[in-house]
Amino acid sequence: MALTLTLLTSKTDCDKVLDQLSDLKSDLEFKQISLTRSRENAADRASDIEATLASSEAEVDSLTSIIAVLPEGTTKTEMENRKVKAEYKLFTAQQRKLQYGTTAVVLYESQLDEVEQRLFVIDGSMSTITNHKATLPA
């Protein structure tokens, strides 16, 4: 969307808009740094979470197979209890994946793209206003 530069009739008007855009740019640059760090942390944790997920899924599958062939008794009850614990471990790993794993990496990347696009637009607007300011009388 093109800026309505005719509304900026003095250098003071331009300075006010440039100051506000500068503040917004600073906030977005801070957000960019924060999101980049969060993305890096999520990427670092992702492999550990994926390994935990794989081992938990394998444990649940194996316990399910074992329980299916066991006769009723204490051994079967112990295996059922182990399966409940393994299912809980699987559930918590799935939750961690959403917050810190590969899923989070993709979400952080999407947010970073959005911030970078906004920064690009702000830079363009600041440049346009600065050029317009140069054409105004003192």
Protein backbone atom coordinates (compact mmCIF):
# COMPACT_ATOMS: atom_id res chain seq x y z
CA MET A 1 0.00 0.00 0.00
CA ALA A 2 1.40 3.38 -0.98
CA LEU A 3 1.96 5.99 1.67
CA THR A 4 -0.10 9.18 1.51
CA LEU A 5 2.85 11.54 1.63
CA THR A 6 0.69 14.59 0.95
CA LEU A 7 -0.46 14.35 4.58
CA LEU A 8 3.08 15.09 5.72
CA THR A 9 3.33 18.81 5.09
CA SER A 10 6.35 19.69 7.22
CA LYS A 11 9.69 18.25 8.23
CA THR A 12 8.36 18.05 11.79
CA ASP A 13 5.52 15.81 10.63
CA CYS A 14 8.05 13.60 8.87
CA ASP A 15 10.26 13.46 11.97
CA LYS A 16 7.33 12.40 14.16
CA VAL A 17 6.40 9.57 11.80
CA LEU A 18 10.04 8.54 11.43
CA ASP A 19 10.46 8.44 15.23
CA GLN A 20 7.40 6.22 15.62
CA LEU A 21 8.54 3.94 12.81
CA SER A 22 12.00 3.79 14.38
CA ASP A 23 10.49 2.72 17.71
CA LEU A 24 8.39 0.07 15.97
CA LYS A 25 11.45 -1.12 14.07
CA SER A 26 13.43 -1.44 17.31
CA ASP A 27 10.64 -3.50 18.89
CA LEU A 28 10.49 -5.78 15.86
CA GLU A 29 14.27 -6.21 15.80
CA PHE A 30 14.15 -7.27 19.45
CA LYS A 31 11.34 -9.71 18.64
CA GLN A 32 13.41 -11.03 15.75
CA ILE A 33 16.36 -11.71 18.06
CA SER A 34 14.08 -13.39 20.60
CA LEU A 35 12.41 -15.59 18.00
CA THR A 36 15.75 -16.53 16.48
CA ARG A 37 17.03 -17.63 19.88
CA SER A 38 13.84 -19.57 20.62
CA ARG A 39 14.09 -21.28 17.24
CA GLU A 40 17.71 -22.26 17.88
CA ASN A 41 16.81 -23.65 21.31
CA ALA A 42 13.91 -25.63 19.85
CA ALA A 43 16.14 -27.02 17.11
CA ASP A 44 18.73 -28.08 19.71
CA ARG A 45 16.08 -29.91 21.76
CA ALA A 46 14.26 -31.40 18.78
CA SER A 47 16.58 -34.38 18.30
CA ASP A 48 16.37 -35.35 21.98
CA ILE A 49 12.59 -35.10 21.90
CA GLU A 50 12.36 -37.14 18.69
CA ALA A 51 14.52 -39.87 20.26
CA THR A 52 12.34 -39.91 23.38
CA LEU A 53 9.21 -40.15 21.22
CA ALA A 54 10.61 -43.06 19.22
CA SER A 55 11.71 -45.01 22.28
CA SER A 56 8.42 -44.35 24.10
CA GLU A 57 6.36 -45.46 21.11
CA ALA A 58 8.47 -48.63 20.81
CA GLU A 59 8.07 -49.35 24.52
CA VAL A 60 4.29 -48.91 24.41
CA ASP A 61 4.06 -51.15 21.33
CA SER A 62 6.19 -53.89 22.88
CA LEU A 63 4.31 -53.79 26.18
CA THR A 64 1.00 -53.99 24.31
CA SER A 65 2.23 -57.11 22.50
CA ILE A 66 3.49 -58.70 25.71
CA ILE A 67 0.31 -57.94 27.67
CA ALA A 68 -1.84 -59.47 24.93
CA VAL A 69 -0.27 -62.92 25.40
CA LEU A 70 0.16 -62.95 29.19
CA PRO A 71 -2.29 -64.84 31.38
CA GLU A 72 -4.02 -62.96 34.19
CA GLY A 73 -1.78 -62.53 37.18
CA THR A 74 0.82 -60.34 38.84
CA THR A 75 3.15 -60.28 35.85
CA LYS A 76 0.38 -59.03 33.58
CA THR A 77 -0.61 -56.38 36.15
CA GLU A 78 3.03 -55.23 36.40
CA MET A 79 3.27 -54.97 32.61
CA GLU A 80 -0.01 -53.00 32.46
CA ASN A 81 1.37 -50.60 35.07
CA ARG A 82 4.59 -50.21 33.05
CA LYS A 83 2.49 -49.56 29.95
CA VAL A 84 0.58 -46.76 31.71
CA LYS A 85 3.90 -45.16 32.68
CA ALA A 86 5.21 -45.54 29.14
CA GLU A 87 2.03 -44.00 27.71
CA TYR A 88 2.41 -41.04 30.06
CA LYS A 89 6.05 -40.63 29.01
CA LEU A 90 4.90 -40.71 25.37
CA PHE A 91 2.21 -38.12 26.08
CA THR A 92 4.64 -35.72 27.77
CA ALA A 93 7.12 -36.14 24.91
CA GLN A 94 4.37 -35.27 22.42
CA GLN A 95 3.55 -32.15 24.43
CA ARG A 96 7.23 -31.16 24.54
CA LYS A 97 7.43 -31.65 20.77
CA LEU A 98 4.69 -29.07 20.31
CA GLN A 99 6.43 -26.54 22.55
CA TYR A 100 10.10 -27.21 21.93
CA GLY A 101 10.54 -29.73 19.13
CA THR A 102 10.38 -29.83 15.38
CA THR A 103 6.86 -28.43 15.39
CA ALA A 104 8.01 -25.41 17.37
CA VAL A 105 10.94 -24.87 14.99
CA VAL A 106 8.56 -24.52 12.04
CA LEU A 107 6.26 -22.17 13.98
CA TYR A 108 9.21 -19.98 15.03
CA GLU A 109 10.40 -19.87 11.42
CA SER A 110 6.96 -18.73 10.30
CA GLN A 111 6.91 -15.98 12.93
CA LEU A 112 10.42 -14.91 11.92
CA ASP A 113 9.34 -14.63 8.29
CA GLU A 114 6.44 -12.40 9.34
CA VAL A 115 8.71 -10.13 11.40
CA GLU A 116 11.27 -9.91 8.60
CA GLN A 117 8.56 -8.91 6.12
CA ARG A 118 7.30 -6.22 8.48
CA LEU A 119 10.86 -4.91 8.95
CA PHE A 120 11.28 -4.76 5.18
CA VAL A 121 8.08 -2.70 4.85
CA ILE A 122 9.10 -0.36 7.68
CA ASP A 123 12.53 0.19 6.11
CA GLY A 124 10.86 1.05 2.81
CA SER A 125 8.44 3.43 4.51
CA MET A 126 11.25 5.16 6.39
CA SER A 127 13.20 5.57 3.18
CA THR A 128 10.18 6.98 1.35
CA ILE A 129 9.42 9.45 4.15
CA THR A 130 13.06 10.51 4.39
CA ASN A 131 13.12 11.21 0.65
CA HIS A 132 9.84 13.13 0.94
CA LYS A 133 11.21 15.12 3.88
CA ALA A 134 14.14 16.23 1.71
CA THR A 135 11.68 17.80 -0.76
CA LEU A 136 9.90 19.90 1.88
CA PRO A 137 10.85 23.51 2.56
CA ALA A 138 12.78 24.31 5.73
